Amino acid sequence: MLELNKIYNIDNIAGMKQIQNGFIDLTVTSPPYDNLRKYKRYVFDFESIAKELYRITKNGGVVVWIVGDSTINGSETCTGFKQALFFKEVGFNLHDTMIWFKPNAMPQVDKTRFTQSFEYMFVFSKGKPKTTNPLLIPTKNAGKIITRVSNNDQNINKSVRIDKTKDKRIAFNVWELCVGTKSFGHPAIFPEKLAEDHILSWSKKNDIVLDPFLGSGNTIMSCINKNRKYLGCEKESKYFEIIKNRIT
């Protein structure tokens, strides 16, 4: 059994096999995908990982899977969609399909296509999510008084209702966040705020959060900052040392 609030320099499947059934409240991770991310030719067993994630996730727990597609031989790979369908096959619900929009995306090299500026954020749940705290954003007409008049079928006995526009509403499922400029020596990172916002949305204090592809460690840093317990695996020793130095 892995010890909580520790990270492990270990293959993620080997690590997850040491976690008991129904132990994890939330997973937030971004795996290597296609040829967009190069980790010394590291290839992972996606199907085994998906099955292990289902086994170790609590009923009502959530997995946030952040992934993109590359274009090979003139066609997008659809890797993200294929993986999403397999997550459903092993038992997860696809609770939400979200988008991470990158306003500072790299310019497009292939001039026959529009600039690639987003990644998918698939939110899977094991049954109905037990914790949902959607981010709130200010409404356009916060505090505005609206008078609504309704009539019956005979157009008599009018009723008047006065409503006040709420100050905030649930945010859209497209999140705009710039690609981080500080990589901590890692070739591909997602913003710490991205991990933080998902942690706030799908977990509560002292919940257990897993990242089986630690990368630069932003999920773990967000757990520490938001009072969540954590576990993480990173197979590559170089990147593991980066994370260890950040959290100590």
C-alpha atoms as a PDB file:
ATOM      1  CA  MET A   1       0.000   0.000   0.000  1.00  0.00           C
ATOM      2  CA  LEU A   2       1.398   3.376  -0.996  1.00  0.00           C
ATOM      3  CA  GLU A   3       1.744   5.940   1.764  1.00  0.00           C
ATOM      4  CA  LEU A   4      -0.333   9.107   1.456  1.00  0.00           C
ATOM      5  CA  ASN A   5       1.223  12.506   0.755  1.00  0.00           C
ATOM      6  CA  LYS A   6       4.180  10.957  -1.032  1.00  0.00           C
ATOM      7  CA  ILE A   7       5.322  10.701  -4.629  1.00  0.00           C
ATOM      8  CA  TYR A   8       6.889   7.597  -6.117  1.00  0.00           C
ATOM      9  CA  ASN A   9       9.530   7.082  -8.789  1.00  0.00           C
ATOM     10  CA  ILE A  10       7.666   4.100 -10.204  1.00  0.00           C
ATOM     11  CA  ASP A  11       5.679   2.930 -13.227  1.00  0.00           C
ATOM     12  CA  ASN A  12       2.107   4.073 -12.696  1.00  0.00           C
ATOM     13  CA  ILE A  13       0.514   0.656 -13.207  1.00  0.00           C
ATOM     14  CA  ALA A  14       2.868  -0.885 -10.660  1.00  0.00           C
ATOM     15  CA  GLY A  15       2.036   1.990  -8.323  1.00  0.00           C
ATOM     16  CA  MET A  16      -1.727   1.762  -8.757  1.00  0.00           C
ATOM     17  CA  LYS A  17      -1.659  -2.004  -8.128  1.00  0.00           C
ATOM     18  CA  GLN A  18      -0.526  -1.116  -4.602  1.00  0.00           C
ATOM     19  CA  ILE A  19      -3.664   0.996  -4.018  1.00  0.00           C
ATOM     20  CA  GLN A  20      -6.743  -0.677  -2.598  1.00  0.00           C
ATOM     21  CA  ASN A  21     -10.131  -0.761  -4.301  1.00  0.00           C
ATOM     22  CA  GLY A  22     -12.202   2.408  -4.095  1.00  0.00           C
ATOM     23  CA  PHE A  23      -9.515   4.497  -2.385  1.00  0.00           C
ATOM     24  CA  ILE A  24      -9.079   7.585  -4.621  1.00  0.00           C
ATOM     25  CA  ASP A  25     -11.514  10.510  -4.616  1.00  0.00           C
ATOM     26  CA  LEU A  26     -10.114  12.342  -7.627  1.00  0.00           C
ATOM     27  CA  THR A  27      -7.510  11.854 -10.334  1.00  0.00           C
ATOM     28  CA  VAL A  28      -6.194  14.850 -12.271  1.00  0.00           C
ATOM     29  CA  THR A  29      -3.647  13.969 -14.925  1.00  0.00           C
ATOM     30  CA  SER A  30      -2.377  14.583 -18.442  1.00  0.00           C
ATOM     31  CA  PRO A  31      -0.734  11.576 -20.113  1.00  0.00           C
ATOM     32  CA  PRO A  32       1.771  11.656 -22.972  1.00  0.00           C
ATOM     33  CA  TYR A  33      -0.169  11.505 -26.233  1.00  0.00           C
ATOM     34  CA  ASP A  34       0.679  10.616 -29.810  1.00  0.00           C
ATOM     35  CA  ASN A  35       3.959  12.205 -30.879  1.00  0.00           C
ATOM     36  CA  LEU A  36       3.207  15.592 -29.317  1.00  0.00           C
ATOM     37  CA  ARG A  37       5.054  14.758 -26.125  1.00  0.00           C
ATOM     38  CA  LYS A  38       8.370  12.954 -26.108  1.00  0.00           C
ATOM     39  CA  TYR A  39       9.431  11.154 -22.954  1.00  0.00           C
ATOM     40  CA  LYS A  40      12.439   9.190 -24.168  1.00  0.00           C
ATOM     41  CA  ARG A  41      10.129   7.027 -26.306  1.00  0.00           C
ATOM     42  CA  TYR A  42       8.094   6.071 -23.240  1.00  0.00           C
ATOM     43  CA  VAL A  43       4.955   4.181 -24.271  1.00  0.00           C
ATOM     44  CA  PHE A  44       2.277   3.498 -21.704  1.00  0.00           C
ATOM     45  CA  ASP A  45      -0.368   0.787 -21.485  1.00  0.00           C
ATOM     46  CA  PHE A  46      -3.464   2.977 -21.670  1.00  0.00           C
ATOM     47  CA  GLU A  47      -6.087   0.246 -21.332  1.00  0.00           C
ATOM     48  CA  SER A  48      -4.505  -1.210 -18.182  1.00  0.00           C
ATOM     49  CA  ILE A  49      -4.248   2.286 -16.705  1.00  0.00           C
ATOM     50  CA  ALA A  50      -7.935   2.989 -17.398  1.00  0.00           C
ATOM     51  CA  LYS A  51      -8.957  -0.284 -15.757  1.00  0.00           C
ATOM     52  CA  GLU A  52      -6.792   0.387 -12.705  1.00  0.00           C
ATOM     53  CA  LEU A  53      -8.204   3.902 -12.384  1.00  0.00           C
ATOM     54  CA  TYR A  54     -11.733   2.485 -12.345  1.00  0.00           C
ATOM     55  CA  ARG A  55     -10.803  -0.072  -9.694  1.00  0.00           C
ATOM     56  CA  ILE A  56      -9.145   2.373  -7.306  1.00  0.00           C
ATOM     57  CA  THR A  57     -11.638   5.234  -7.740  1.00  0.00           C
ATOM     58  CA  LYS A  58     -14.317   5.566  -5.057  1.00  0.00           C
ATOM     59  CA  ASN A  59     -17.973   5.344  -5.991  1.00  0.00           C
ATOM     60  CA  GLY A  60     -18.800   8.925  -6.910  1.00  0.00           C
ATOM     61  CA  GLY A  61     -15.138   9.691  -7.566  1.00  0.00           C
ATOM     62  CA  VAL A  62     -13.901  11.574 -10.626  1.00  0.00           C
ATOM     63  CA  VAL A  63     -11.056  11.227 -13.138  1.00  0.00           C
ATOM     64  CA  VAL A  64      -9.984  14.324 -15.103  1.00  0.00           C
ATOM     65  CA  TRP A  65      -8.083  13.194 -18.218  1.00  0.00           C
ATOM     66  CA  ILE A  66      -6.406  16.052 -20.112  1.00  0.00           C
ATOM     67  CA  VAL A  67      -5.344  15.040 -23.603  1.00  0.00           C
ATOM     68  CA  GLY A  68      -4.878  16.302 -27.138  1.00  0.00           C
ATOM     69  CA  ASP A  69      -4.475  14.874 -30.640  1.00  0.00           C
ATOM     70  CA  SER A  70      -1.757  15.185 -33.212  1.00  0.00           C
ATOM     71  CA  THR A  71      -2.037  15.141 -36.986  1.00  0.00           C
ATOM     72  CA  ILE A  72      -0.338  12.184 -38.676  1.00  0.00           C
ATOM     73  CA  ASN A  73      -0.322  11.608 -42.432  1.00  0.00           C
ATOM     74  CA  GLY A  74      -2.805  14.422 -42.922  1.00  0.00           C
ATOM     75  CA  SER A  75      -5.384  13.240 -40.388  1.00  0.00           C
ATOM     76  CA  GLU A  76      -5.990  13.887 -36.705  1.00  0.00           C
ATOM     77  CA  THR A  77      -5.535  10.748 -34.623  1.00  0.00           C
ATOM     78  CA  CYS A  78      -8.709  11.039 -32.488  1.00  0.00           C
ATOM     79  CA  THR A  79      -6.698   9.577 -29.607  1.00  0.00           C
ATOM     80  CA  GLY A  80      -8.672  11.535 -27.033  1.00  0.00           C
ATOM     81  CA  PHE A  81     -12.023  10.277 -28.318  1.00  0.00           C
ATOM     82  CA  LYS A  82     -10.804   6.675 -28.497  1.00  0.00           C
ATOM     83  CA  GLN A  83      -9.613   6.874 -24.910  1.00  0.00           C
ATOM     84  CA  ALA A  84     -12.870   8.484 -23.766  1.00  0.00           C
ATOM     85  CA  LEU A  85     -14.865   5.639 -25.309  1.00  0.00           C
ATOM     86  CA  PHE A  86     -12.679   3.064 -23.564  1.00  0.00           C
ATOM     87  CA  PHE A  87     -13.148   4.791 -20.205  1.00  0.00           C
ATOM     88  CA  LYS A  88     -16.888   4.352 -20.775  1.00  0.00           C
ATOM     89  CA  GLU A  89     -16.350   0.693 -21.657  1.00  0.00           C
ATOM     90  CA  VAL A  90     -14.661  -0.018 -18.326  1.00  0.00           C
ATOM     91  CA  GLY A  91     -17.564   1.543 -16.421  1.00  0.00           C
ATOM     92  CA  PHE A  92     -17.000   5.291 -16.109  1.00  0.00           C
ATOM     93  CA  ASN A  93     -19.612   7.891 -17.022  1.00  0.00           C
ATOM     94  CA  LEU A  94     -18.469  10.750 -19.233  1.00  0.00           C
ATOM     95  CA  HIS A  95     -19.711  13.470 -16.900  1.00  0.00           C
ATOM     96  CA  ASP A  96     -18.443  16.428 -18.939  1.00  0.00           C
ATOM     97  CA  THR A  97     -16.332  17.112 -22.001  1.00  0.00           C
ATOM     98  CA  MET A  98     -14.382  20.267 -21.278  1.00  0.00           C
ATOM     99  CA  ILE A  99     -11.903  22.330 -23.262  1.00  0.00           C
ATOM    100  CA  TRP A 100      -8.676  23.981 -22.159  1.00  0.00           C
ATOM    101  CA  PHE A 101      -8.269  26.949 -24.520  1.00  0.00           C
ATOM    102  CA  LYS A 102      -4.714  28.326 -24.796  1.00  0.00           C
ATOM    103  CA  PRO A 103      -4.755  31.980 -25.902  1.00  0.00           C
ATOM    104  CA  ASN A 104      -0.960  31.939 -26.213  1.00  0.00           C
ATOM    105  CA  ALA A 105      -0.743  28.727 -28.266  1.00  0.00           C
ATOM    106  CA  MET A 106       2.264  28.228 -30.512  1.00  0.00           C
ATOM    107  CA  PRO A 107       1.819  29.445 -34.122  1.00  0.00           C
ATOM    108  CA  GLN A 108       0.643  26.780 -36.562  1.00  0.00           C
ATOM    109  CA  VAL A 109       3.415  25.252 -38.674  1.00  0.00           C
ATOM    110  CA  ASP A 110       1.056  23.581 -41.156  1.00  0.00           C
ATOM    111  CA  LYS A 111      -0.468  26.544 -42.994  1.00  0.00           C
ATOM    112  CA  THR A 112      -3.359  24.429 -44.312  1.00  0.00           C
ATOM    113  CA  ARG A 113      -4.941  24.198 -40.842  1.00  0.00           C
ATOM    114  CA  PHE A 114      -6.113  26.625 -38.194  1.00  0.00           C
ATOM    115  CA  THR A 115      -3.822  27.125 -35.221  1.00  0.00           C
ATOM    116  CA  GLN A 116      -4.220  24.322 -32.687  1.00  0.00           C
ATOM    117  CA  SER A 117      -5.127  26.088 -29.432  1.00  0.00           C
ATOM    118  CA  PHE A 118      -6.927  23.635 -27.153  1.00  0.00           C
ATOM    119  CA  GLU A 119      -6.855  20.298 -25.380  1.00  0.00           C
ATOM    120  CA  TYR A 120      -9.725  18.121 -24.219  1.00  0.00           C
ATOM    121  CA  MET A 121     -10.422  17.742 -20.515  1.00  0.00           C
ATOM    122  CA  PHE A 122     -12.605  14.649 -20.167  1.00  0.00           C
ATOM    123  CA  VAL A 123     -14.294  14.454 -16.777  1.00  0.00           C
ATOM    124  CA  PHE A 124     -15.228  10.861 -15.955  1.00  0.00           C
ATOM    125  CA  SER A 125     -17.207   9.803 -12.895  1.00  0.00           C
ATOM    126  CA  LYS A 126     -17.741   6.447 -11.229  1.00  0.00           C
ATOM    127  CA  GLY A 127     -21.483   6.760 -10.915  1.00  0.00           C
ATOM    128  CA  LYS A 128     -22.903  10.136  -9.941  1.00  0.00           C
ATOM    129  CA  PRO A 129     -20.153  12.540  -8.754  1.00  0.00           C
ATOM    130  CA  LYS A 130     -20.252  12.831  -4.977  1.00  0.00           C
ATOM    131  CA  THR A 131     -18.598  16.255  -4.942  1.00  0.00           C
ATOM    132  CA  THR A 132     -19.407  19.048  -7.389  1.00  0.00           C
ATOM    133  CA  ASN A 133     -18.327  22.617  -6.763  1.00  0.00           C
ATOM    134  CA  PRO A 134     -18.540  24.269 -10.193  1.00  0.00           C
ATOM    135  CA  LEU A 135     -16.538  27.453 -10.538  1.00  0.00           C
ATOM    136  CA  LEU A 136     -18.663  30.609 -10.453  1.00  0.00           C
ATOM    137  CA  ILE A 137     -18.154  33.722 -12.553  1.00  0.00           C
ATOM    138  CA  PRO A 138     -19.803  37.180 -12.351  1.00  0.00           C
ATOM    139  CA  THR A 139     -23.005  37.647 -14.328  1.00  0.00           C
ATOM    140  CA  LYS A 140     -23.218  40.392 -16.925  1.00  0.00           C
ATOM    141  CA  ASN A 141     -26.179  42.126 -15.266  1.00  0.00           C
ATOM    142  CA  ALA A 142     -25.476  41.334 -11.614  1.00  0.00           C
ATOM    143  CA  GLY A 143     -28.089  42.859  -9.291  1.00  0.00           C
ATOM    144  CA  LYS A 144     -30.370  44.054 -12.102  1.00  0.00           C
ATOM    145  CA  ILE A 145     -34.090  44.075 -11.239  1.00  0.00           C
ATOM    146  CA  ILE A 146     -36.263  42.239 -13.777  1.00  0.00           C
ATOM    147  CA  THR A 147     -40.088  42.441 -13.755  1.00  0.00           C
ATOM    148  CA  ARG A 148     -41.903  39.474 -15.284  1.00  0.00           C
ATOM    149  CA  VAL A 149     -45.633  39.573 -16.090  1.00  0.00           C
ATOM    150  CA  SER A 150     -47.629  36.418 -16.860  1.00  0.00           C
ATOM    151  CA  ASN A 151     -51.260  35.942 -17.995  1.00  0.00           C
ATOM    152  CA  ASN A 152     -53.666  33.026 -17.805  1.00  0.00           C
ATOM    153  CA  ASP A 153     -55.450  31.594 -20.851  1.00  0.00           C
ATOM    154  CA  GLN A 154     -58.143  34.300 -20.744  1.00  0.00           C
ATOM    155  CA  ASN A 155     -55.501  37.046 -20.561  1.00  0.00           C
ATOM    156  CA  ILE A 156     -56.793  38.148 -17.167  1.00  0.00           C
ATOM    157  CA  ASN A 157     -55.584  37.929 -13.595  1.00  0.00           C
ATOM    158  CA  LYS A 158     -52.102  39.022 -14.472  1.00  0.00           C
ATOM    159  CA  SER A 159     -49.390  38.047 -12.014  1.00  0.00           C
ATOM    160  CA  VAL A 160     -46.241  40.083 -11.531  1.00  0.00           C
ATOM    161  CA  ARG A 161     -42.947  38.652 -10.295  1.00  0.00           C
ATOM    162  CA  ILE A 162     -39.907  40.779  -9.551  1.00  0.00           C
ATOM    163  CA  ASP A 163     -36.542  39.037  -9.747  1.00  0.00           C
ATOM    164  CA  LYS A 164     -33.042  40.217  -9.027  1.00  0.00           C
ATOM    165  CA  THR A 165     -30.304  38.926 -11.310  1.00  0.00           C
ATOM    166  CA  LYS A 166     -27.846  36.775  -9.408  1.00  0.00           C
ATOM    167  CA  ASP A 167     -24.337  38.074  -8.893  1.00  0.00           C
ATOM    168  CA  LYS A 168     -22.683  34.884 -10.175  1.00  0.00           C
ATOM    169  CA  ARG A 169     -23.403  31.896 -12.382  1.00  0.00           C
ATOM    170  CA  ILE A 170     -21.729  28.588 -13.170  1.00  0.00           C
ATOM    171  CA  ALA A 171     -18.715  29.015 -15.439  1.00  0.00           C
ATOM    172  CA  PHE A 172     -18.582  27.642 -18.982  1.00  0.00           C
ATOM    173  CA  ASN A 173     -16.864  24.314 -19.605  1.00  0.00           C
ATOM    174  CA  VAL A 174     -14.259  26.031 -21.795  1.00  0.00           C
ATOM    175  CA  TRP A 175     -11.434  27.320 -19.578  1.00  0.00           C
ATOM    176  CA  GLU A 176      -9.063  29.940 -20.942  1.00  0.00           C
ATOM    177  CA  LEU A 177      -5.604  29.597 -19.434  1.00  0.00           C
ATOM    178  CA  CYS A 178      -2.252  30.513 -20.914  1.00  0.00           C
ATOM    179  CA  VAL A 179       0.378  27.853 -21.352  1.00  0.00           C
ATOM    180  CA  GLY A 180       2.845  28.267 -18.507  1.00  0.00           C
ATOM    181  CA  THR A 181       6.208  29.818 -19.289  1.00  0.00           C
ATOM    182  CA  LYS A 182       7.943  28.144 -16.332  1.00  0.00           C
ATOM    183  CA  SER A 183       8.468  24.485 -17.192  1.00  0.00           C
ATOM    184  CA  PHE A 184      10.718  23.427 -14.272  1.00  0.00           C
ATOM    185  CA  GLY A 185      12.749  21.518 -16.852  1.00  0.00           C
ATOM    186  CA  HIS A 186       9.819  19.444 -18.105  1.00  0.00           C
ATOM    187  CA  PRO A 187       8.949  19.406 -21.853  1.00  0.00           C
ATOM    188  CA  ALA A 188       5.158  19.586 -21.494  1.00  0.00           C
ATOM    189  CA  ILE A 189       3.219  21.021 -18.556  1.00  0.00           C
ATOM    190  CA  PHE A 190      -0.282  22.250 -17.902  1.00  0.00           C
ATOM    191  CA  PRO A 191      -0.862  25.339 -15.734  1.00  0.00           C
ATOM    192  CA  GLU A 192      -0.987  24.864 -11.975  1.00  0.00           C
ATOM    193  CA  LYS A 193      -4.263  26.793 -11.939  1.00  0.00           C
ATOM    194  CA  LEU A 194      -5.778  24.211 -14.289  1.00  0.00           C
ATOM    195  CA  ALA A 195      -5.099  21.461 -11.761  1.00  0.00           C
ATOM    196  CA  GLU A 196      -6.182  23.719  -8.904  1.00  0.00           C
ATOM    197  CA  ASP A 197      -9.542  24.552 -10.490  1.00  0.00           C
ATOM    198  CA  HIS A 198     -10.328  20.885 -11.117  1.00  0.00           C
ATOM    199  CA  ILE A 199      -9.335  19.996  -7.571  1.00  0.00           C
ATOM    200  CA  LEU A 200     -11.662  22.702  -6.240  1.00  0.00           C
ATOM    201  CA  SER A 201     -14.458  21.571  -8.584  1.00  0.00           C
ATOM    202  CA  TRP A 202     -14.456  17.823  -7.884  1.00  0.00           C
ATOM    203  CA  SER A 203     -13.085  17.333  -4.361  1.00  0.00           C
ATOM    204  CA  LYS A 204     -13.210  18.694  -0.832  1.00  0.00           C
ATOM    205  CA  LYS A 205     -10.542  19.261   1.825  1.00  0.00           C
ATOM    206  CA  ASN A 206      -8.676  16.114   2.904  1.00  0.00           C
ATOM    207  CA  ASP A 207      -9.891  14.133  -0.111  1.00  0.00           C
ATOM    208  CA  ILE A 208      -7.286  11.896  -1.775  1.00  0.00           C
ATOM    209  CA  VAL A 209      -6.063  13.070  -5.185  1.00  0.00           C
ATOM    210  CA  LEU A 210      -3.949  10.965  -7.547  1.00  0.00           C
ATOM    211  CA  ASP A 211      -1.753  11.930 -10.491  1.00  0.00           C
ATOM    212  CA  PRO A 212      -0.301   8.829 -12.203  1.00  0.00           C
ATOM    213  CA  PHE A 213       1.647  10.977 -14.721  1.00  0.00           C
ATOM    214  CA  LEU A 214       3.244  13.549 -12.433  1.00  0.00           C
ATOM    215  CA  GLY A 215       5.226  15.443 -15.063  1.00  0.00           C
ATOM    216  CA  SER A 216       6.346  18.687 -13.425  1.00  0.00           C
ATOM    217  CA  GLY A 217       4.166  18.120 -10.342  1.00  0.00           C
ATOM    218  CA  ASN A 218       1.547  20.846 -10.710  1.00  0.00           C
ATOM    219  CA  THR A 219      -1.265  18.564  -9.527  1.00  0.00           C
ATOM    220  CA  ILE A 220       0.676  17.778  -6.355  1.00  0.00           C
ATOM    221  CA  MET A 221       1.495  21.449  -5.737  1.00  0.00           C
ATOM    222  CA  SER A 222      -2.208  22.282  -6.070  1.00  0.00           C
ATOM    223  CA  CYS A 223      -3.105  19.527  -3.581  1.00  0.00           C
ATOM    224  CA  ILE A 224      -0.663  20.945  -1.066  1.00  0.00           C
ATOM    225  CA  ASN A 225      -1.979  24.477  -1.553  1.00  0.00           C
ATOM    226  CA  LYS A 226      -5.639  23.400  -1.277  1.00  0.00           C
ATOM    227  CA  ASN A 227      -5.330  20.961   1.643  1.00  0.00           C
ATOM    228  CA  ARG A 228      -5.877  17.723  -0.252  1.00  0.00           C
ATOM    229  CA  LYS A 229      -4.083  14.459   0.423  1.00  0.00           C
ATOM    230  CA  TYR A 230      -2.154  13.181  -2.557  1.00  0.00           C
ATOM    231  CA  LEU A 231      -0.398  10.315  -4.293  1.00  0.00           C
ATOM    232  CA  GLY A 232       1.650  10.478  -7.459  1.00  0.00           C
ATOM    233  CA  CYS A 233       3.764   8.345  -9.767  1.00  0.00           C
ATOM    234  CA  GLU A 234       6.486   9.400 -12.187  1.00  0.00           C
ATOM    235  CA  LYS A 235       8.529   6.764 -14.006  1.00  0.00           C
ATOM    236  CA  GLU A 236      11.222   9.086 -15.346  1.00  0.00           C
ATOM    237  CA  SER A 237      13.830   9.764 -12.634  1.00  0.00           C
ATOM    238  CA  LYS A 238      14.784  13.158 -14.067  1.00  0.00           C
ATOM    239  CA  TYR A 239      11.267  14.515 -13.736  1.00  0.00           C
ATOM    240  CA  PHE A 240      10.718  12.801 -10.404  1.00  0.00           C
ATOM    241  CA  GLU A 241      13.657  14.767  -8.980  1.00  0.00           C
ATOM    242  CA  ILE A 242      12.137  18.001 -10.290  1.00  0.00           C
ATOM    243  CA  ILE A 243       8.902  17.326  -8.394  1.00  0.00           C
ATOM    244  CA  LYS A 244      10.694  16.191  -5.250  1.00  0.00           C
ATOM    245  CA  ASN A 245      12.662  19.432  -5.182  1.00  0.00           C
ATOM    246  CA  ARG A 246       9.480  21.472  -5.613  1.00  0.00           C
ATOM    247  CA  ILE A 247       7.571  19.905  -2.722  1.00  0.00           C
ATOM    248  CA  THR A 248      10.432  19.754  -0.192  1.00  0.00           C
END
